[in-house]
C-alpha cells in the first residue's frame, strides 16, 4: 500500500467520523427541542399538588400558626407560602411535628 493511499483512507475515515458527529449532534438537538415541551407538559399534568402539612408552622420570632391555614406552593424544591406580606419556606419538621419557617429568598 502506498503512502498516498493511506493518506486518502485516513482522510476518508476522519471525514466520515466528523460527518457522523455532525449528524448525531443535529439529531440530538432536534430530539431535545421536540422532547422538552412534551416532557414539561407531562410533568405538569401528572405532578401532585403541594401537600398540606399537619401540625404548626413556627416562625423565627417564636409565633406559630396551624399549617392548614396557609396555601402552599412549590417553587423549585422549596415548599413556600405567603403570610403577613412575606414569602416563607418550610423546613423539615421537628420531633414534635412542627415546621420551622424561614424567609424565602428565591433562586
N, C-alpha and C. Protein backbone atom coordinates (compact mmCIF):
# COMPACT_ATOMS: atom_id res chain seq x y z
N UNK A 1 0.85 -1.17 0.00
CA UNK A 1 0.00 0.00 0.00
C UNK A 1 0.90 1.24 0.00
N UNK A 2 0.54 2.17 -0.85
CA UNK A 2 1.32 3.40 -0.95
C UNK A 2 0.94 4.36 0.16
N UNK A 3 1.85 5.28 0.42
CA UNK A 3 1.57 6.30 1.43
C UNK A 3 0.41 7.19 1.00
N UNK A 4 0.29 7.45 -0.26
CA UNK A 4 -0.79 8.30 -0.75
C UNK A 4 -2.15 7.62 -0.54
N UNK A 5 -2.18 6.28 -0.72
CA UNK A 5 -3.42 5.54 -0.47
C UNK A 5 -3.78 5.60 1.02
N UNK A 6 -2.79 5.45 1.87
CA UNK A 6 -3.02 5.52 3.31
C UNK A 6 -3.55 6.89 3.71
N UNK A 7 -3.01 7.94 3.13
CA UNK A 7 -3.47 9.29 3.43
C UNK A 7 -4.92 9.49 2.98
N UNK A 8 -5.28 8.93 1.83
CA UNK A 8 -6.66 9.03 1.33
C UNK A 8 -7.61 8.31 2.28
N UNK A 9 -7.24 7.09 2.68
CA UNK A 9 -8.10 6.32 3.59
C UNK A 9 -8.24 7.01 4.96
N UNK A 10 -7.16 7.57 5.45
CA UNK A 10 -7.21 8.29 6.73
C UNK A 10 -8.09 9.52 6.60
N UNK A 11 -7.99 10.22 5.49
CA UNK A 11 -8.84 11.39 5.27
C UNK A 11 -10.31 11.02 5.17
N UNK A 12 -10.60 9.91 4.48
CA UNK A 12 -11.98 9.44 4.38
C UNK A 12 -12.52 9.02 5.75
N UNK A 13 -11.69 8.35 6.53
CA UNK A 13 -12.12 7.93 7.86
C UNK A 13 -12.39 9.14 8.76
N UNK A 14 -11.50 10.12 8.72
CA UNK A 14 -11.70 11.32 9.53
C UNK A 14 -12.94 12.08 9.08
N UNK A 15 -13.12 12.19 7.77
CA UNK A 15 -14.31 12.86 7.25
C UNK A 15 -15.59 12.13 7.63
N UNK A 16 -15.57 10.82 7.56
CA UNK A 16 -16.74 10.03 7.96
C UNK A 16 -17.07 10.20 9.43
N UNK A 17 -16.03 10.22 10.26
CA UNK A 17 -16.24 10.42 11.69
C UNK A 17 -16.83 11.80 11.97
N UNK A 18 -16.28 12.83 11.32
CA UNK A 18 -16.80 14.19 11.52
C UNK A 18 -18.24 14.31 11.03
N UNK A 19 -18.57 13.66 9.91
CA UNK A 19 -19.94 13.66 9.42
C UNK A 19 -20.87 12.96 10.41
N UNK A 20 -20.43 11.85 10.95
CA UNK A 20 -21.22 11.13 11.96
C UNK A 20 -21.49 12.01 13.18
N UNK A 21 -20.44 12.67 13.70
CA UNK A 21 -20.61 13.52 14.87
C UNK A 21 -21.55 14.70 14.57
N UNK A 22 -21.45 15.27 13.37
CA UNK A 22 -22.29 16.39 13.00
C UNK A 22 -23.75 15.95 12.91
N UNK A 23 -24.00 14.80 12.28
CA UNK A 23 -25.37 14.30 12.18
C UNK A 23 -25.93 13.90 13.53
N UNK A 24 -25.08 13.31 14.37
CA UNK A 24 -25.54 12.89 15.70
C UNK A 24 -25.91 14.10 16.55
N UNK A 25 -25.14 15.16 16.49
CA UNK A 25 -25.45 16.34 17.29
C UNK A 25 -26.70 17.03 16.77
N UNK A 26 -26.91 17.04 15.47
CA UNK A 26 -28.12 17.65 14.91
C UNK A 26 -29.36 16.87 15.29
N UNK A 27 -29.30 15.57 15.25
CA UNK A 27 -30.44 14.74 15.64
C UNK A 27 -30.73 14.91 17.12
N UNK A 28 -29.68 15.01 17.92
CA UNK A 28 -29.86 15.19 19.36
C UNK A 28 -30.51 16.54 19.64
N UNK A 29 -30.06 17.58 18.96
CA UNK A 29 -30.63 18.90 19.14
C UNK A 29 -32.10 18.90 18.76
N UNK A 30 -32.44 18.26 17.65
CA UNK A 30 -33.84 18.17 17.22
C UNK A 30 -34.67 17.40 18.24
N UNK A 31 -34.14 16.28 18.72
CA UNK A 31 -34.87 15.46 19.68
C UNK A 31 -35.09 16.23 20.98
N UNK A 32 -34.08 16.95 21.46
CA UNK A 32 -34.24 17.72 22.69
C UNK A 32 -35.23 18.85 22.51
N UNK A 33 -35.21 19.50 21.36
CA UNK A 33 -36.14 20.59 21.09
C UNK A 33 -37.57 20.08 21.08
N UNK A 34 -37.78 18.91 20.56
CA UNK A 34 -39.11 18.33 20.50
C UNK A 34 -39.53 17.72 21.83
N UNK A 35 -38.60 17.07 22.52
CA UNK A 35 -38.95 16.32 23.73
C UNK A 35 -39.16 17.22 24.94
N UNK A 36 -38.47 18.34 25.01
CA UNK A 36 -38.55 19.19 26.19
C UNK A 36 -39.96 19.71 26.46
N UNK A 37 -40.68 20.28 25.48
CA UNK A 37 -42.04 20.74 25.79
C UNK A 37 -42.99 19.59 26.11
N UNK A 38 -42.79 18.45 25.47
CA UNK A 38 -43.64 17.30 25.75
C UNK A 38 -43.43 16.83 27.18
N UNK A 39 -42.16 16.74 27.61
CA UNK A 39 -41.87 16.32 28.98
C UNK A 39 -42.40 17.32 29.98
N UNK A 40 -42.25 18.60 29.72
CA UNK A 40 -42.75 19.62 30.63
C UNK A 40 -44.27 19.54 30.78
N UNK A 41 -44.95 19.34 29.67
CA UNK A 41 -46.41 19.21 29.73
C UNK A 41 -46.81 17.97 30.52
N UNK A 42 -46.12 16.87 30.30
CA UNK A 42 -46.43 15.64 31.02
C UNK A 42 -46.23 15.80 32.52
N UNK A 43 -45.14 16.40 32.92
CA UNK A 43 -44.87 16.61 34.34
C UNK A 43 -45.91 17.53 34.94
N UNK A 44 -46.30 18.58 34.20
CA UNK A 44 -47.32 19.49 34.70
C UNK A 44 -48.65 18.81 34.91
N UNK A 45 -48.98 17.84 34.08
CA UNK A 45 -50.25 17.13 34.22
C UNK A 45 -50.22 16.06 35.30
N UNK A 46 -49.06 15.51 35.57
CA UNK A 46 -49.00 14.38 36.50
C UNK A 46 -48.41 14.71 37.85
N UNK A 47 -47.82 15.91 38.02
CA UNK A 47 -47.19 16.25 39.30
C UNK A 47 -48.26 16.49 40.36
N UNK A 48 -48.03 16.00 41.56
CA UNK A 48 -49.01 16.23 42.61
C UNK A 48 -49.00 17.69 43.06
N UNK A 49 -50.10 18.11 43.65
CA UNK A 49 -50.17 19.46 44.19
C UNK A 49 -49.33 19.55 45.46
N UNK A 50 -49.26 20.73 45.99
CA UNK A 50 -48.50 20.94 47.22
C UNK A 50 -49.20 20.24 48.38
N UNK A 51 -48.45 19.59 49.24
CA UNK A 51 -49.06 18.90 50.37
C UNK A 51 -49.58 19.90 51.41
N UNK A 52 -50.49 19.43 52.23
CA UNK A 52 -50.96 20.22 53.36
C UNK A 52 -50.40 19.57 54.62
N UNK A 53 -49.32 20.13 55.16
CA UNK A 53 -48.71 19.52 56.34
C UNK A 53 -49.62 19.65 57.55
N UNK A 54 -49.53 18.68 58.43
CA UNK A 54 -50.24 18.73 59.70
C UNK A 54 -49.31 19.32 60.74
N UNK A 55 -49.87 19.92 61.76
CA UNK A 55 -49.04 20.50 62.81
C UNK A 55 -49.01 22.01 62.68
N UNK A 56 -48.01 22.61 63.24
CA UNK A 56 -47.90 24.06 63.27
C UNK A 56 -46.66 24.53 62.52
N UNK A 57 -46.75 25.77 62.06
CA UNK A 57 -45.59 26.43 61.46
C UNK A 57 -45.04 27.37 62.52
N UNK A 58 -43.75 27.24 62.79
CA UNK A 58 -43.09 28.06 63.80
C UNK A 58 -42.23 29.10 63.09
N UNK A 59 -42.48 30.38 63.39
CA UNK A 59 -41.72 31.47 62.79
C UNK A 59 -40.49 31.79 63.64
N UNK A 60 -39.50 32.47 63.05
CA UNK A 60 -38.28 32.77 63.79
C UNK A 60 -38.50 33.55 65.08
N UNK A 61 -39.58 34.35 65.15
CA UNK A 61 -39.84 35.12 66.37
C UNK A 61 -40.54 34.29 67.45
N UNK A 62 -40.82 33.01 67.17
CA UNK A 62 -41.46 32.12 68.14
C UNK A 62 -42.96 32.00 67.98
N UNK A 63 -43.58 32.85 67.17
CA UNK A 63 -45.02 32.74 66.96
C UNK A 63 -45.31 31.54 66.07
N UNK A 64 -46.55 31.09 66.09
CA UNK A 64 -46.90 29.91 65.29
C UNK A 64 -48.32 30.04 64.77
N UNK A 65 -48.59 29.32 63.70
CA UNK A 65 -49.93 29.22 63.13
C UNK A 65 -50.15 27.77 62.71
N UNK A 66 -51.40 27.32 62.62
CA UNK A 66 -51.65 25.96 62.10
C UNK A 66 -51.24 25.88 60.63
N UNK A 67 -50.59 24.82 60.27
CA UNK A 67 -50.11 24.66 58.90
C UNK A 67 -51.26 24.62 57.90
N UNK A 68 -52.41 24.15 58.31
CA UNK A 68 -53.55 24.05 57.40
C UNK A 68 -54.12 25.42 57.05
N UNK A 69 -53.71 26.48 57.73
CA UNK A 69 -54.27 27.82 57.49
C UNK A 69 -53.64 28.55 56.31
N UNK A 70 -52.59 28.02 55.72
CA UNK A 70 -51.93 28.69 54.60
C UNK A 70 -51.95 27.80 53.37
N UNK A 71 -51.88 28.44 52.21
CA UNK A 71 -51.84 27.71 50.94
C UNK A 71 -50.39 27.55 50.51
N UNK A 72 -49.96 26.33 50.35
CA UNK A 72 -48.57 26.03 50.00
C UNK A 72 -48.40 25.93 48.48
N UNK A 73 -47.24 26.33 48.00
CA UNK A 73 -46.88 26.17 46.58
C UNK A 73 -45.42 25.73 46.50
N UNK A 74 -45.11 24.97 45.47
CA UNK A 74 -43.72 24.56 45.23
C UNK A 74 -43.06 25.60 44.35
N UNK A 75 -41.89 26.05 44.74
CA UNK A 75 -41.03 26.86 43.89
C UNK A 75 -39.71 26.10 43.83
N UNK A 76 -39.49 25.42 42.71
CA UNK A 76 -38.33 24.53 42.61
C UNK A 76 -38.49 23.41 43.63
N UNK A 77 -37.51 23.27 44.51
CA UNK A 77 -37.57 22.24 45.56
C UNK A 77 -38.03 22.80 46.89
N UNK A 78 -38.48 24.04 46.90
CA UNK A 78 -38.87 24.69 48.16
C UNK A 78 -40.39 24.74 48.29
N UNK A 79 -40.90 24.32 49.43
CA UNK A 79 -42.32 24.43 49.74
C UNK A 79 -42.52 25.78 50.40
N UNK A 80 -43.25 26.68 49.72
CA UNK A 80 -43.35 28.06 50.17
C UNK A 80 -44.80 28.45 50.42
N UNK A 81 -44.97 29.55 51.14
CA UNK A 81 -46.30 30.12 51.37
C UNK A 81 -46.14 31.60 51.70
N UNK A 82 -47.21 32.35 51.48
CA UNK A 82 -47.20 33.78 51.79
C UNK A 82 -47.94 33.98 53.11
N UNK A 83 -47.39 34.84 53.97
CA UNK A 83 -48.03 35.14 55.24
C UNK A 83 -47.57 36.51 55.71
N UNK A 84 -48.50 37.36 56.07
CA UNK A 84 -48.21 38.73 56.53
C UNK A 84 -47.33 39.50 55.56
N UNK A 85 -47.61 39.35 54.27
CA UNK A 85 -46.89 40.12 53.26
C UNK A 85 -45.49 39.63 52.93
N UNK A 86 -45.11 38.50 53.46
CA UNK A 86 -43.78 37.95 53.18
C UNK A 86 -43.92 36.52 52.67
N UNK A 87 -42.91 36.09 51.93
CA UNK A 87 -42.86 34.71 51.45
C UNK A 87 -41.97 33.89 52.38
N UNK A 88 -42.48 32.75 52.78
CA UNK A 88 -41.78 31.88 53.72
C UNK A 88 -41.54 30.52 53.10
N UNK A 89 -40.53 29.84 53.59
CA UNK A 89 -40.19 28.49 53.14
C UNK A 89 -40.22 27.56 54.34
N UNK A 90 -40.87 26.41 54.17
CA UNK A 90 -40.92 25.42 55.25
C UNK A 90 -39.63 24.62 55.30
N UNK A 91 -39.22 24.31 56.49
CA UNK A 91 -38.08 23.43 56.73
C UNK A 91 -38.63 22.08 57.18
N UNK A 92 -37.82 21.03 57.19
CA UNK A 92 -38.30 19.73 57.66
C UNK A 92 -38.82 19.83 59.10
N UNK A 93 -39.83 19.03 59.39
CA UNK A 93 -40.46 19.12 60.70
C UNK A 93 -39.53 18.64 61.82
N UNK A 94 -39.79 19.16 63.01
CA UNK A 94 -39.00 18.76 64.19
C UNK A 94 -39.63 17.52 64.82
N UNK A 95 -39.13 17.11 65.95
CA UNK A 95 -39.61 15.89 66.62
C UNK A 95 -41.07 16.00 67.05
N UNK A 96 -41.56 17.22 67.23
CA UNK A 96 -42.95 17.42 67.66
C UNK A 96 -43.91 17.58 66.48
N UNK A 97 -43.42 17.48 65.27
CA UNK A 97 -44.28 17.63 64.10
C UNK A 97 -44.50 19.07 63.69
N UNK A 98 -43.74 20.00 64.23
CA UNK A 98 -43.84 21.41 63.86
C UNK A 98 -42.83 21.73 62.77
N UNK A 99 -43.22 22.66 61.92
CA UNK A 99 -42.39 23.02 60.77
C UNK A 99 -41.78 24.40 60.98
N UNK A 100 -40.48 24.51 61.15
CA UNK A 100 -39.86 25.83 61.21
C UNK A 100 -39.98 26.52 59.85
N UNK A 101 -40.21 27.82 59.86
CA UNK A 101 -40.29 28.60 58.64
C UNK A 101 -39.14 29.61 58.60
N UNK A 102 -38.59 29.78 57.40
CA UNK A 102 -37.56 30.81 57.20
C UNK A 102 -38.01 31.69 56.05
N UNK A 103 -37.51 32.91 55.99
CA UNK A 103 -37.84 33.79 54.88
C UNK A 103 -37.35 33.17 53.58
N UNK A 104 -38.20 33.20 52.57
CA UNK A 104 -37.83 32.67 51.28
C UNK A 104 -37.08 33.74 50.51
N UNK A 105 -35.85 33.44 50.13
CA UNK A 105 -35.01 34.40 49.42
C UNK A 105 -35.20 34.28 47.92
N UNK A 106 -35.47 33.10 47.44
CA UNK A 106 -35.65 32.88 45.99
C UNK A 106 -34.38 32.33 45.38
N UNK A 107 -34.55 31.96 44.12
CA UNK A 107 -33.42 31.35 43.42
C UNK A 107 -32.79 32.30 42.46
